[in-house]
PDB file of N, CA and C in Angstrom:
ATOM      1  N   UNK A   1     214.593 184.492 222.766  1.00  0.00           N
ATOM      2  CA  UNK A   1     215.456 183.569 223.463  1.00  0.00           C
ATOM      3  C   UNK A   1     216.221 182.768 222.419  1.00  0.00           C
ATOM      4  N   UNK A   2     217.544 182.682 222.563  1.00  0.00           N
ATOM      5  CA  UNK A   2     218.351 181.949 221.601  1.00  0.00           C
ATOM      6  C   UNK A   2     218.244 180.454 221.830  1.00  0.00           C
ATOM      7  N   UNK A   3     218.659 179.697 220.831  1.00  0.00           N
ATOM      8  CA  UNK A   3     218.627 178.240 220.938  1.00  0.00           C
ATOM      9  C   UNK A   3     219.453 177.774 222.129  1.00  0.00           C
ATOM     10  N   UNK A   4     220.651 178.351 222.304  1.00  0.00           N
ATOM     11  CA  UNK A   4     221.517 177.976 223.432  1.00  0.00           C
ATOM     12  C   UNK A   4     220.860 178.262 224.768  1.00  0.00           C
ATOM     13  N   UNK A   5     220.190 179.402 224.871  1.00  0.00           N
ATOM     14  CA  UNK A   5     219.504 179.749 226.115  1.00  0.00           C
ATOM     15  C   UNK A   5     218.371 178.779 226.385  1.00  0.00           C
ATOM     16  N   UNK A   6     217.662 178.363 225.332  1.00  0.00           N
ATOM     17  CA  UNK A   6     216.579 177.390 225.496  1.00  0.00           C
ATOM     18  C   UNK A   6     217.119 176.058 226.002  1.00  0.00           C
ATOM     19  N   UNK A   7     218.250 175.631 225.452  1.00  0.00           N
ATOM     20  CA  UNK A   7     218.855 174.370 225.895  1.00  0.00           C
ATOM     21  C   UNK A   7     219.277 174.475 227.351  1.00  0.00           C
ATOM     22  N   UNK A   8     219.934 175.563 227.703  1.00  0.00           N
ATOM     23  CA  UNK A   8     220.396 175.750 229.077  1.00  0.00           C
ATOM     24  C   UNK A   8     219.205 175.812 230.025  1.00  0.00           C
ATOM     25  N   UNK A   9     218.162 176.532 229.640  1.00  0.00           N
ATOM     26  CA  UNK A   9     216.972 176.636 230.483  1.00  0.00           C
ATOM     27  C   UNK A   9     216.340 175.267 230.682  1.00  0.00           C
ATOM     28  N   UNK A  10     216.198 174.508 229.627  1.00  0.00           N
ATOM     29  CA  UNK A  10     215.612 173.170 229.739  1.00  0.00           C
ATOM     30  C   UNK A  10     216.487 172.265 230.581  1.00  0.00           C
ATOM     31  N   UNK A  11     217.781 172.332 230.369  1.00  0.00           N
ATOM     32  CA  UNK A  11     218.696 171.488 231.132  1.00  0.00           C
ATOM     33  C   UNK A  11     218.687 171.864 232.606  1.00  0.00           C
ATOM     34  N   UNK A  12     218.686 173.146 232.872  1.00  0.00           N
ATOM     35  CA  UNK A  12     218.656 173.609 234.259  1.00  0.00           C
ATOM     36  C   UNK A  12     217.391 173.131 234.948  1.00  0.00           C
ATOM     37  N   UNK A  13     216.263 173.288 234.291  1.00  0.00           N
ATOM     38  CA  UNK A  13     214.996 172.846 234.866  1.00  0.00           C
ATOM     39  C   UNK A  13     215.024 171.366 235.180  1.00  0.00           C
ATOM     40  N   UNK A  14     215.548 170.588 234.257  1.00  0.00           N
ATOM     41  CA  UNK A  14     215.562 169.141 234.436  1.00  0.00           C
ATOM     42  C   UNK A  14     216.523 168.696 235.528  1.00  0.00           C
ATOM     43  N   UNK A  15     217.686 169.320 235.605  1.00  0.00           N
ATOM     44  CA  UNK A  15     218.697 168.816 236.514  1.00  0.00           C
ATOM     45  C   UNK A  15     218.712 169.474 237.880  1.00  0.00           C
ATOM     46  N   UNK A  16     218.463 170.768 237.938  1.00  0.00           N
ATOM     47  CA  UNK A  16     218.547 171.459 239.216  1.00  0.00           C
ATOM     48  C   UNK A  16     217.187 171.630 239.866  1.00  0.00           C
ATOM     49  N   UNK A  17     216.269 172.260 239.189  1.00  0.00           N
ATOM     50  CA  UNK A  17     214.982 172.555 239.801  1.00  0.00           C
ATOM     51  C   UNK A  17     214.140 171.309 240.018  1.00  0.00           C
ATOM     52  N   UNK A  18     214.128 170.419 239.076  1.00  0.00           N
ATOM     53  CA  UNK A  18     213.298 169.231 239.196  1.00  0.00           C
ATOM     54  C   UNK A  18     214.063 168.042 239.738  1.00  0.00           C
ATOM     55  N   UNK A  19     215.371 168.157 239.849  1.00  0.00           N
ATOM     56  CA  UNK A  19     216.166 167.064 240.396  1.00  0.00           C
ATOM     57  C   UNK A  19     216.269 165.879 239.455  1.00  0.00           C
ATOM     58  N   UNK A  20     215.966 166.083 238.183  1.00  0.00           N
ATOM     59  CA  UNK A  20     216.024 164.983 237.227  1.00  0.00           C
ATOM     60  C   UNK A  20     217.448 164.662 236.820  1.00  0.00           C
ATOM     61  N   UNK A  21     217.645 163.481 236.279  1.00  0.00           N
ATOM     62  CA  UNK A  21     218.971 163.051 235.853  1.00  0.00           C
ATOM     63  C   UNK A  21     219.206 163.261 234.366  1.00  0.00           C
ATOM     64  N   UNK A  22     218.153 163.357 233.587  1.00  0.00           N
ATOM     65  CA  UNK A  22     218.347 163.379 232.145  1.00  0.00           C
ATOM     66  C   UNK A  22     218.429 164.789 231.603  1.00  0.00           C
ATOM     67  N   UNK A  23     219.346 164.969 230.701  1.00  0.00           N
ATOM     68  CA  UNK A  23     219.429 166.222 229.964  1.00  0.00           C
ATOM     69  C   UNK A  23     219.849 165.860 228.545  1.00  0.00           C
ATOM     70  N   UNK A  24     218.906 165.932 227.665  1.00  0.00           N
ATOM     71  CA  UNK A  24     219.161 165.581 226.274  1.00  0.00           C
ATOM     72  C   UNK A  24     219.742 164.177 226.143  1.00  0.00           C
ATOM     73  N   UNK A  25     219.308 163.280 226.999  1.00  0.00           N
ATOM     74  CA  UNK A  25     219.770 161.902 226.931  1.00  0.00           C
ATOM     75  C   UNK A  25     221.116 161.661 227.570  1.00  0.00           C
ATOM     76  N   UNK A  26     221.694 162.661 228.194  1.00  0.00           N
ATOM     77  CA  UNK A  26     222.997 162.527 228.828  1.00  0.00           C
ATOM     78  C   UNK A  26     222.811 162.605 230.332  1.00  0.00           C
ATOM     79  N   UNK A  27     223.482 161.743 231.057  1.00  0.00           N
ATOM     80  CA  UNK A  27     223.391 161.768 232.511  1.00  0.00           C
ATOM     81  C   UNK A  27     224.397 162.756 233.061  1.00  0.00           C
ATOM     82  N   UNK A  28     223.920 163.705 233.825  1.00  0.00           N
ATOM     83  CA  UNK A  28     224.801 164.689 234.454  1.00  0.00           C
ATOM     84  C   UNK A  28     225.464 164.061 235.666  1.00  0.00           C
ATOM     85  N   UNK A  29     226.755 164.334 235.907  1.00  0.00           N
ATOM     86  CA  UNK A  29     227.449 163.732 237.040  1.00  0.00           C
ATOM     87  C   UNK A  29     226.870 164.154 238.387  1.00  0.00           C
ATOM     88  N   UNK A  30     226.441 165.387 238.486  1.00  0.00           N
ATOM     89  CA  UNK A  30     225.804 165.853 239.711  1.00  0.00           C
ATOM     90  C   UNK A  30     224.436 166.356 239.306  1.00  0.00           C
ATOM     91  N   UNK A  31     223.430 165.535 239.538  1.00  0.00           N
ATOM     92  CA  UNK A  31     222.111 165.845 239.014  1.00  0.00           C
ATOM     93  C   UNK A  31     221.392 166.916 239.812  1.00  0.00           C
ATOM     94  N   UNK A  32     221.547 166.924 241.093  1.00  0.00           N
ATOM     95  CA  UNK A  32     220.841 167.911 241.889  1.00  0.00           C
ATOM     96  C   UNK A  32     221.823 168.746 242.676  1.00  0.00           C
ATOM     97  N   UNK A  33     221.578 170.029 242.685  1.00  0.00           N
ATOM     98  CA  UNK A  33     222.474 170.929 243.384  1.00  0.00           C
ATOM     99  C   UNK A  33     221.979 171.228 244.791  1.00  0.00           C
ATOM    100  N   UNK A  34     220.756 170.898 245.074  1.00  0.00           N
ATOM    101  CA  UNK A  34     220.186 171.208 246.378  1.00  0.00           C
ATOM    102  C   UNK A  34     219.478 169.979 246.913  1.00  0.00           C
ATOM    103  N   UNK A  35     220.110 169.287 247.826  1.00  0.00           N
ATOM    104  CA  UNK A  35     219.502 168.085 248.382  1.00  0.00           C
ATOM    105  C   UNK A  35     219.715 168.010 249.883  1.00  0.00           C
ATOM    106  N   UNK A  36     218.841 167.253 250.532  1.00  0.00           N
ATOM    107  CA  UNK A  36     219.026 166.883 251.920  1.00  0.00           C
ATOM    108  C   UNK A  36     219.079 168.011 252.922  1.00  0.00           C
ATOM    109  N   UNK A  37     219.907 167.796 253.919  1.00  0.00           N
ATOM    110  CA  UNK A  37     220.003 168.704 255.057  1.00  0.00           C
ATOM    111  C   UNK A  37     220.430 170.107 254.640  1.00  0.00           C
ATOM    112  N   UNK A  38     221.355 170.203 253.690  1.00  0.00           N
ATOM    113  CA  UNK A  38     221.839 171.522 253.267  1.00  0.00           C
ATOM    114  C   UNK A  38     220.689 172.366 252.731  1.00  0.00           C
ATOM    115  N   UNK A  39     219.813 171.768 251.955  1.00  0.00           N
ATOM    116  CA  UNK A  39     218.676 172.508 251.396  1.00  0.00           C
ATOM    117  C   UNK A  39     217.761 173.001 252.506  1.00  0.00           C
ATOM    118  N   UNK A  40     217.480 172.159 253.485  1.00  0.00           N
ATOM    119  CA  UNK A  40     216.614 172.562 254.596  1.00  0.00           C
ATOM    120  C   UNK A  40     217.215 173.728 255.366  1.00  0.00           C
ATOM    121  N   UNK A  41     218.506 173.665 255.612  1.00  0.00           N
ATOM    122  CA  UNK A  41     219.189 174.741 256.347  1.00  0.00           C
ATOM    123  C   UNK A  41     219.141 176.031 255.545  1.00  0.00           C
ATOM    124  N   UNK A  42     219.446 175.954 254.265  1.00  0.00           N
ATOM    125  CA  UNK A  42     219.461 177.147 253.417  1.00  0.00           C
ATOM    126  C   UNK A  42     218.051 177.710 253.245  1.00  0.00           C
ATOM    127  N   UNK A  43     217.063 176.846 253.078  1.00  0.00           N
ATOM    128  CA  UNK A  43     215.690 177.335 252.947  1.00  0.00           C
ATOM    129  C   UNK A  43     215.275 178.120 254.197  1.00  0.00           C
ATOM    130  N   UNK A  44     215.632 177.615 255.366  1.00  0.00           N
ATOM    131  CA  UNK A  44     215.319 178.329 256.611  1.00  0.00           C
ATOM    132  C   UNK A  44     216.068 179.655 256.672  1.00  0.00           C
ATOM    133  N   UNK A  45     217.315 179.665 256.239  1.00  0.00           N
ATOM    134  CA  UNK A  45     218.111 180.903 256.235  1.00  0.00           C
ATOM    135  C   UNK A  45     217.557 181.914 255.231  1.00  0.00           C
ATOM    136  N   UNK A  46     217.014 181.431 254.121  1.00  0.00           N
ATOM    137  CA  UNK A  46     216.374 182.326 253.154  1.00  0.00           C
ATOM    138  C   UNK A  46     215.147 182.982 253.776  1.00  0.00           C
ATOM    139  N   UNK A  47     214.344 182.180 254.474  1.00  0.00           N
ATOM    140  CA  UNK A  47     213.140 182.719 255.123  1.00  0.00           C
ATOM    141  C   UNK A  47     213.485 183.782 256.158  1.00  0.00           C
ATOM    142  N   UNK A  48     214.644 183.647 256.779  1.00  0.00           N
ATOM    143  CA  UNK A  48     215.085 184.599 257.795  1.00  0.00           C
ATOM    144  C   UNK A  48     215.829 185.798 257.190  1.00  0.00           C
ATOM    145  N   UNK A  49     216.064 185.780 255.885  1.00  0.00           N
ATOM    146  CA  UNK A  49     216.760 186.883 255.228  1.00  0.00           C
ATOM    147  C   UNK A  49     218.265 186.864 255.424  1.00  0.00           C
ATOM    148  N   UNK A  50     218.816 185.715 255.794  1.00  0.00           N
ATOM    149  CA  UNK A  50     220.260 185.587 256.026  1.00  0.00           C
ATOM    150  C   UNK A  50     220.980 185.259 254.730  1.00  0.00           C
ATOM    151  N   UNK A  51     220.358 184.415 253.914  1.00  0.00           N
ATOM    152  CA  UNK A  51     220.920 183.957 252.643  1.00  0.00           C
ATOM    153  C   UNK A  51     219.948 184.325 251.537  1.00  0.00           C
ATOM    154  N   UNK A  52     220.483 184.643 250.368  1.00  0.00           N
ATOM    155  CA  UNK A  52     219.634 184.953 249.230  1.00  0.00           C
ATOM    156  C   UNK A  52     220.209 184.436 247.936  1.00  0.00           C
ATOM    157  N   UNK A  53     219.367 184.389 246.925  1.00  0.00           N
ATOM    158  CA  UNK A  53     219.790 184.001 245.580  1.00  0.00           C
ATOM    159  C   UNK A  53     220.401 185.215 244.898  1.00  0.00           C
ATOM    160  N   UNK A  54     221.377 184.959 244.038  1.00  0.00           N
ATOM    161  CA  UNK A  54     221.993 186.044 243.279  1.00  0.00           C
ATOM    162  C   UNK A  54     221.769 185.810 241.787  1.00  0.00           C
ATOM    163  N   UNK A  55     221.802 186.870 241.044  1.00  0.00           N
ATOM    164  CA  UNK A  55     221.575 186.817 239.607  1.00  0.00           C
ATOM    165  C   UNK A  55     222.674 186.028 238.892  1.00  0.00           C
ATOM    166  N   UNK A  56     223.801 185.788 239.585  1.00  0.00           N
ATOM    167  CA  UNK A  56     224.881 185.024 238.957  1.00  0.00           C
ATOM    168  C   UNK A  56     224.768 183.524 239.206  1.00  0.00           C
ATOM    169  N   UNK A  57     223.666 183.074 239.835  1.00  0.00           N
ATOM    170  CA  UNK A  57     223.407 181.652 239.951  1.00  0.00           C
ATOM    171  C   UNK A  57     223.859 180.978 241.232  1.00  0.00           C
ATOM    172  N   UNK A  58     224.330 181.759 242.174  1.00  0.00           N
ATOM    173  CA  UNK A  58     224.816 181.194 243.429  1.00  0.00           C
ATOM    174  C   UNK A  58     224.113 181.832 244.621  1.00  0.00           C
ATOM    175  N   UNK A  59     224.179 181.144 245.748  1.00  0.00           N
ATOM    176  CA  UNK A  59     223.674 181.682 247.003  1.00  0.00           C
ATOM    177  C   UNK A  59     224.732 182.590 247.609  1.00  0.00           C
ATOM    178  N   UNK A  60     224.301 183.577 248.386  1.00  0.00           N
ATOM    179  CA  UNK A  60     225.245 184.460 249.074  1.00  0.00           C
ATOM    180  C   UNK A  60     224.630 184.922 250.388  1.00  0.00           C
ATOM    181  N   UNK A  61     225.500 185.306 251.310  1.00  0.00           N
ATOM    182  CA  UNK A  61     225.042 185.897 252.555  1.00  0.00           C
ATOM    183  C   UNK A  61     224.552 187.301 252.263  1.00  0.00           C
ATOM    184  N   UNK A  62     223.424 187.655 252.826  1.00  0.00           N
ATOM    185  CA  UNK A  62     222.851 188.974 252.590  1.00  0.00           C
ATOM    186  C   UNK A  62     223.689 190.042 253.280  1.00  0.00           C
ATOM    187  N   UNK A  63     224.185 189.746 254.458  1.00  0.00           N
ATOM    188  CA  UNK A  63     225.059 190.701 255.141  1.00  0.00           C
ATOM    189  C   UNK A  63     225.981 189.964 256.094  1.00  0.00           C
ATOM    190  N   UNK A  64     227.135 190.516 256.301  1.00  0.00           N
ATOM    191  CA  UNK A  64     228.070 190.011 257.299  1.00  0.00           C
ATOM    192  C   UNK A  64     228.330 188.530 257.287  1.00  0.00           C
ATOM    193  N   UNK A  65     227.926 187.886 258.368  1.00  0.00           N
ATOM    194  CA  UNK A  65     228.232 186.472 258.517  1.00  0.00           C
ATOM    195  C   UNK A  65     227.009 185.712 259.004  1.00  0.00           C
ATOM    196  N   UNK A  66     227.155 184.407 259.031  1.00  0.00           N
ATOM    197  CA  UNK A  66     226.085 183.528 259.503  1.00  0.00           C
ATOM    198  C   UNK A  66     226.732 182.424 260.328  1.00  0.00           C
ATOM    199  N   UNK A  67     225.912 181.572 260.893  1.00  0.00           N
ATOM    200  CA  UNK A  67     226.453 180.453 261.666  1.00  0.00           C
ATOM    201  C   UNK A  67     227.279 179.551 260.748  1.00  0.00           C
ATOM    202  N   UNK A  68     228.159 178.785 261.352  1.00  0.00           N
ATOM    203  CA  UNK A  68     228.985 177.856 260.584  1.00  0.00           C
ATOM    204  C   UNK A  68     228.112 176.852 259.836  1.00  0.00           C
ATOM    205  N   UNK A  69     227.013 176.450 260.448  1.00  0.00           N
ATOM    206  CA  UNK A  69     226.099 175.494 259.821  1.00  0.00           C
ATOM    207  C   UNK A  69     225.480 176.074 258.544  1.00  0.00           C
ATOM    208  N   UNK A  70     225.038 177.314 258.607  1.00  0.00           N
ATOM    209  CA  UNK A  70     224.440 177.962 257.437  1.00  0.00           C
ATOM    210  C   UNK A  70     225.480 178.159 256.349  1.00  0.00           C
ATOM    211  N   UNK A  71     226.663 178.644 256.727  1.00  0.00           N
ATOM    212  CA  UNK A  71     227.708 178.864 255.721  1.00  0.00           C
ATOM    213  C   UNK A  71     228.127 177.552 255.062  1.00  0.00           C
ATOM    214  N   UNK A  72     228.231 176.482 255.848  1.00  0.00           N
ATOM    215  CA  UNK A  72     228.610 175.179 255.280  1.00  0.00           C
ATOM    216  C   UNK A  72     227.541 174.680 254.308  1.00  0.00           C
ATOM    217  N   UNK A  73     226.278 174.818 254.675  1.00  0.00           N
ATOM    218  CA  UNK A  73     225.184 174.381 253.804  1.00  0.00           C
ATOM    219  C   UNK A  73     225.164 175.200 252.512  1.00  0.00           C
ATOM    220  N   UNK A  74     225.329 176.511 252.637  1.00  0.00           N
ATOM    221  CA  UNK A  74     225.350 177.384 251.466  1.00  0.00           C
ATOM    222  C   UNK A  74     226.521 177.007 250.550  1.00  0.00           C
ATOM    223  N   UNK A  75     227.687 176.796 251.136  1.00  0.00           N
ATOM    224  CA  UNK A  75     228.859 176.426 250.344  1.00  0.00           C
ATOM    225  C   UNK A  75     228.668 175.077 249.652  1.00  0.00           C
ATOM    226  N   UNK A  76     228.064 174.124 250.349  1.00  0.00           N
ATOM    227  CA  UNK A  76     227.804 172.807 249.751  1.00  0.00           C
ATOM    228  C   UNK A  76     226.919 172.944 248.515  1.00  0.00           C
ATOM    229  N   UNK A  77     225.857 173.713 248.639  1.00  0.00           N
ATOM    230  CA  UNK A  77     224.960 173.903 247.498  1.00  0.00           C
ATOM    231  C   UNK A  77     225.662 174.648 246.375  1.00  0.00           C
ATOM    232  N   UNK A  78     226.428 175.678 246.698  1.00  0.00           N
ATOM    233  CA  UNK A  78     227.146 176.415 245.655  1.00  0.00           C
ATOM    234  C   UNK A  78     228.154 175.534 244.921  1.00  0.00           C
ATOM    235  N   UNK A  79     228.829 174.653 245.646  1.00  0.00           N
ATOM    236  CA  UNK A  79     229.780 173.735 245.010  1.00  0.00           C
ATOM    237  C   UNK A  79     229.037 172.787 244.068  1.00  0.00           C
ATOM    238  N   UNK A  80     227.896 172.286 244.522  1.00  0.00           N
ATOM    239  CA  UNK A  80     227.101 171.396 243.669  1.00  0.00           C
ATOM    240  C   UNK A  80     226.570 172.146 242.447  1.00  0.00           C
ATOM    241  N   UNK A  81     226.132 173.374 242.648  1.00  0.00           N
ATOM    242  CA  UNK A  81     225.648 174.163 241.510  1.00  0.00           C
ATOM    243  C   UNK A  81     226.766 174.357 240.501  1.00  0.00           C
ATOM    244  N   UNK A  82     227.951 174.701 240.983  1.00  0.00           N
ATOM    245  CA  UNK A  82     229.075 174.920 240.065  1.00  0.00           C
ATOM    246  C   UNK A  82     229.357 173.658 239.250  1.00  0.00           C
ATOM    247  N   UNK A  83     229.265 172.500 239.895  1.00  0.00           N
ATOM    248  CA  UNK A  83     229.477 171.243 239.194  1.00  0.00           C
ATOM    249  C   UNK A  83     228.425 171.042 238.104  1.00  0.00           C
ATOM    250  N   UNK A  84     227.173 171.322 238.427  1.00  0.00           N
ATOM    251  CA  UNK A  84     226.093 171.197 237.442  1.00  0.00           C
ATOM    252  C   UNK A  84     226.308 172.190 236.308  1.00  0.00           C
ATOM    253  N   UNK A  85     226.625 173.434 236.634  1.00  0.00           N
ATOM    254  CA  UNK A  85     226.834 174.453 235.603  1.00  0.00           C
ATOM    255  C   UNK A  85     227.986 174.057 234.676  1.00  0.00           C
ATOM    256  N   UNK A  86     229.065 173.546 235.248  1.00  0.00           N
ATOM    257  CA  UNK A  86     230.219 173.152 234.449  1.00  0.00           C
ATOM    258  C   UNK A  86     229.863 171.993 233.520  1.00  0.00           C
ATOM    259  N   UNK A  87     229.145 171.020 234.051  1.00  0.00           N
ATOM    260  CA  UNK A  87     228.724 169.875 233.247  1.00  0.00           C
ATOM    261  C   UNK A  87     227.804 170.313 232.107  1.00  0.00           C
ATOM    262  N   UNK A  88     226.827 171.144 232.423  1.00  0.00           N
ATOM    263  CA  UNK A  88     225.906 171.614 231.389  1.00  0.00           C
ATOM    264  C   UNK A  88     226.620 172.464 230.347  1.00  0.00           C
ATOM    265  N   UNK A  89     227.593 173.247 230.770  1.00  0.00           N
ATOM    266  CA  UNK A  89     228.351 174.070 229.828  1.00  0.00           C
ATOM    267  C   UNK A  89     229.094 173.185 228.837  1.00  0.00           C
ATOM    268  N   UNK A  90     229.725 172.117 229.345  1.00  0.00           N
ATOM    269  CA  UNK A  90     230.426 171.187 228.459  1.00  0.00           C
ATOM    270  C   UNK A  90     229.460 170.557 227.455  1.00  0.00           C
ATOM    271  N   UNK A  91     228.293 170.155 227.952  1.00  0.00           N
ATOM    272  CA  UNK A  91     227.321 169.466 227.107  1.00  0.00           C
ATOM    273  C   UNK A  91     226.663 170.382 226.084  1.00  0.00           C
ATOM    274  N   UNK A  92     226.572 171.673 226.386  1.00  0.00           N
ATOM    275  CA  UNK A  92     225.894 172.601 225.480  1.00  0.00           C
ATOM    276  C   UNK A  92     226.855 173.505 224.712  1.00  0.00           C
ATOM    277  N   UNK A  93     228.141 173.376 224.978  1.00  0.00           N
ATOM    278  CA  UNK A  93     229.123 174.160 224.240  1.00  0.00           C
ATOM    279  C   UNK A  93     229.159 175.629 224.614  1.00  0.00           C
ATOM    280  N   UNK A  94     228.873 175.938 225.857  1.00  0.00           N
ATOM    281  CA  UNK A  94     228.918 177.316 226.319  1.00  0.00           C
ATOM    282  C   UNK A  94     229.810 177.387 227.554  1.00  0.00           C
ATOM    283  N   UNK A  95     229.841 178.517 228.203  1.00  0.00           N
ATOM    284  CA  UNK A  95     230.682 178.673 229.394  1.00  0.00           C
ATOM    285  C   UNK A  95     229.878 178.408 230.669  1.00  0.00           C
ATOM    286  N   UNK A  96     230.551 177.962 231.727  1.00  0.00           N
ATOM    287  CA  UNK A  96     229.863 177.794 233.011  1.00  0.00           C
ATOM    288  C   UNK A  96     229.223 179.093 233.506  1.00  0.00           C
ATOM    289  N   UNK A  97     229.864 180.223 233.224  1.00  0.00           N
ATOM    290  CA  UNK A  97     229.321 181.516 233.639  1.00  0.00           C
ATOM    291  C   UNK A  97     228.008 181.816 232.925  1.00  0.00           C
ATOM    292  N   UNK A  98     227.929 181.430 231.659  1.00  0.00           N
ATOM    293  CA  UNK A  98     226.696 181.636 230.904  1.00  0.00           C
ATOM    294  C   UNK A  98     225.566 180.782 231.487  1.00  0.00           C
ATOM    295  N   UNK A  99     225.874 179.522 231.770  1.00  0.00           N
ATOM    296  CA  UNK A  99     224.874 178.632 232.370  1.00  0.00           C
ATOM    297  C   UNK A  99     224.459 179.180 233.733  1.00  0.00           C
ATOM    298  N   UNK A 100     225.437 179.593 234.526  1.00  0.00           N
ATOM    299  CA  UNK A 100     225.142 180.132 235.860  1.00  0.00           C
ATOM    300  C   UNK A 100     224.266 181.380 235.758  1.00  0.00           C
ATOM    301  N   UNK A 101     224.537 182.234 234.787  1.00  0.00           N
ATOM    302  CA  UNK A 101     223.745 183.453 234.617  1.00  0.00           C
ATOM    303  C   UNK A 101     222.294 183.164 234.266  1.00  0.00           C
ATOM    304  N   UNK A 102     222.092 182.233 233.334  1.00  0.00           N
ATOM    305  CA  UNK A 102     220.727 181.849 232.966  1.00  0.00           C
ATOM    306  C   UNK A 102     220.036 181.221 234.170  1.00  0.00           C
ATOM    307  N   UNK A 103     220.758 180.366 234.867  1.00  0.00           N
ATOM    308  CA  UNK A 103     220.204 179.723 236.060  1.00  0.00           C
ATOM    309  C   UNK A 103     219.880 180.752 237.135  1.00  0.00           C
ATOM    310  N   UNK A 104     220.774 181.718 237.317  1.00  0.00           N
ATOM    311  CA  UNK A 104     220.550 182.767 238.304  1.00  0.00           C
ATOM    312  C   UNK A 104     219.278 183.545 238.032  1.00  0.00           C
ATOM    313  N   UNK A 105     219.032 183.848 236.769  1.00  0.00           N
ATOM    314  CA  UNK A 105     217.795 184.548 236.409  1.00  0.00           C
ATOM    315  C   UNK A 105     216.576 183.732 236.822  1.00  0.00           C
ATOM    316  N   UNK A 106     216.636 182.426 236.577  1.00  0.00           N
ATOM    317  CA  UNK A 106     215.513 181.549 236.931  1.00  0.00           C
ATOM    318  C   UNK A 106     215.340 181.461 238.447  1.00  0.00           C
ATOM    319  N   UNK A 107     216.449 181.324 239.172  1.00  0.00           N
ATOM    320  CA  UNK A 107     216.388 181.202 240.631  1.00  0.00           C
ATOM    321  C   UNK A 107     215.872 182.483 241.274  1.00  0.00           C
ATOM    322  N   UNK A 108     216.313 183.628 240.779  1.00  0.00           N
ATOM    323  CA  UNK A 108     215.839 184.914 241.305  1.00  0.00           C
ATOM    324  C   UNK A 108     214.344 185.053 241.023  1.00  0.00           C
ATOM    325  N   UNK A 109     213.940 184.667 239.830  1.00  0.00           N
ATOM    326  CA  UNK A 109     212.519 184.764 239.470  1.00  0.00           C
ATOM    327  C   UNK A 109     211.649 183.835 240.324  1.00  0.00           C
ATOM    328  N   UNK A 110     212.200 182.735 240.778  1.00  0.00           N
ATOM    329  CA  UNK A 110     211.451 181.769 241.590  1.00  0.00           C
ATOM    330  C   UNK A 110     211.475 182.085 243.084  1.00  0.00           C
ATOM    331  N   UNK A 111     212.239 183.072 243.489  1.00  0.00           N
ATOM    332  CA  UNK A 111     212.331 183.392 244.917  1.00  0.00           C
ATOM    333  C   UNK A 111     210.951 183.695 245.479  1.00  0.00           C
ATOM    334  N   UNK A 112     210.752 183.283 246.706  1.00  0.00           N
ATOM    335  CA  UNK A 112     209.453 183.456 247.357  1.00  0.00           C
ATOM    336  C   UNK A 112     209.332 184.831 247.999  1.00  0.00           C
ATOM    337  N   UNK A 113     208.099 185.209 248.222  1.00  0.00           N
ATOM    338  CA  UNK A 113     207.811 186.476 248.887  1.00  0.00           C
ATOM    339  C   UNK A 113     208.575 186.547 250.222  1.00  0.00           C
ATOM    340  N   UNK A 114     209.226 187.679 250.450  1.00  0.00           N
ATOM    341  CA  UNK A 114     209.976 187.893 251.685  1.00  0.00           C
ATOM    342  C   UNK A 114     211.436 187.488 251.598  1.00  0.00           C
ATOM    343  N   UNK A 115     211.805 186.693 250.586  1.00  0.00           N
ATOM    344  CA  UNK A 115     213.201 186.292 250.437  1.00  0.00           C
ATOM    345  C   UNK A 115     214.003 187.421 249.786  1.00  0.00           C
ATOM    346  N   UNK A 116     215.305 187.367 249.999  1.00  0.00           N
ATOM    347  CA  UNK A 116     216.209 188.367 249.433  1.00  0.00           C
ATOM    348  C   UNK A 116     216.833 187.839 248.151  1.00  0.00           C
ATOM    349  N   UNK A 117     216.990 188.738 247.174  1.00  0.00           N
ATOM    350  CA  UNK A 117     217.682 188.426 245.930  1.00  0.00           C
ATOM    351  C   UNK A 117     218.641 189.572 245.610  1.00  0.00           C
ATOM    352  N   UNK A 118     219.793 189.210 245.053  1.00  0.00           N
ATOM    353  CA  UNK A 118     220.763 190.234 244.649  1.00  0.00           C
ATOM    354  C   UNK A 118     220.746 190.329 243.134  1.00  0.00           C
ATOM    355  N   UNK A 119     220.416 191.513 242.653  1.00  0.00           N
ATOM    356  CA  UNK A 119     220.272 191.754 241.220  1.00  0.00           C
ATOM    357  C   UNK A 119     221.597 192.173 240.597  1.00  0.00           C
ATOM    358  N   UNK A 120     221.582 192.422 239.303  1.00  0.00           N
ATOM    359  CA  UNK A 120     222.809 192.750 238.578  1.00  0.00           C
ATOM    360  C   UNK A 120     223.462 194.037 239.050  1.00  0.00           C
ATOM    361  N   UNK A 121     222.697 194.931 239.672  1.00  0.00           N
ATOM    362  CA  UNK A 121     223.298 196.166 240.191  1.00  0.00           C
ATOM    363  C   UNK A 121     224.004 195.944 241.525  1.00  0.00           C
ATOM    364  N   UNK A 122     223.970 194.694 242.034  1.00  0.00           N
ATOM    365  CA  UNK A 122     224.667 194.359 243.274  1.00  0.00           C
ATOM    366  C   UNK A 122     223.876 194.602 244.535  1.00  0.00           C
ATOM    367  N   UNK A 123     222.685 195.157 244.396  1.00  0.00           N
ATOM    368  CA  UNK A 123     221.878 195.475 245.578  1.00  0.00           C
ATOM    369  C   UNK A 123     220.917 194.344 245.905  1.00  0.00           C
ATOM    370  N   UNK A 124     220.718 194.140 247.212  1.00  0.00           N
ATOM    371  CA  UNK A 124     219.746 193.149 247.675  1.00  0.00           C
ATOM    372  C   UNK A 124     218.355 193.760 247.666  1.00  0.00           C
ATOM    373  N   UNK A 125     217.417 192.938 247.264  1.00  0.00           N
ATOM    374  CA  UNK A 125     216.021 193.368 247.195  1.00  0.00           C
ATOM    375  C   UNK A 125     215.161 192.279 247.844  1.00  0.00           C
ATOM    376  N   UNK A 126     214.122 192.695 248.547  1.00  0.00           N
ATOM    377  CA  UNK A 126     213.196 191.732 249.133  1.00  0.00           C
ATOM    378  C   UNK A 126     212.080 191.470 248.133  1.00  0.00           C
ATOM    379  N   UNK A 127     211.809 190.191 247.869  1.00  0.00           N
ATOM    380  CA  UNK A 127     210.761 189.814 246.922  1.00  0.00           C
ATOM    381  C   UNK A 127     209.403 190.135 247.542  1.00  0.00           C
ATOM    382  N   UNK A 128     208.563 190.801 246.755  1.00  0.00           N
ATOM    383  CA  UNK A 128     207.234 191.186 247.234  1.00  0.00           C
ATOM    384  C   UNK A 128     206.161 190.345 246.617  1.00  0.00           C
TER     385      UNK A 128
END
């Protein structure tokens, strides 16, 4: 693991997964990407196999469409994630895509049994 990847992993853990505000002593403008009602809606949609984590760091619909409520919640979280990724990229001197990719790997790895994840080959897989 490179030094940059270690920094991104630590920052991601602190700001997104743990909801912390600190990253190397710097306050991130958007500390948590998943909060409140949107998280509850998306978590329920994940359990139902409607929404899944992708290796690129964002949520996506597993197939077709979903209710307006689910799509709005998913979009809200994705917008917040993008803000966190952009902020961390600036702070660590890398690209938002790089941060998102490292984050995506962590999110896919953390997916619960029965949830869907989309891997680098573009195919959805159910976590066992």
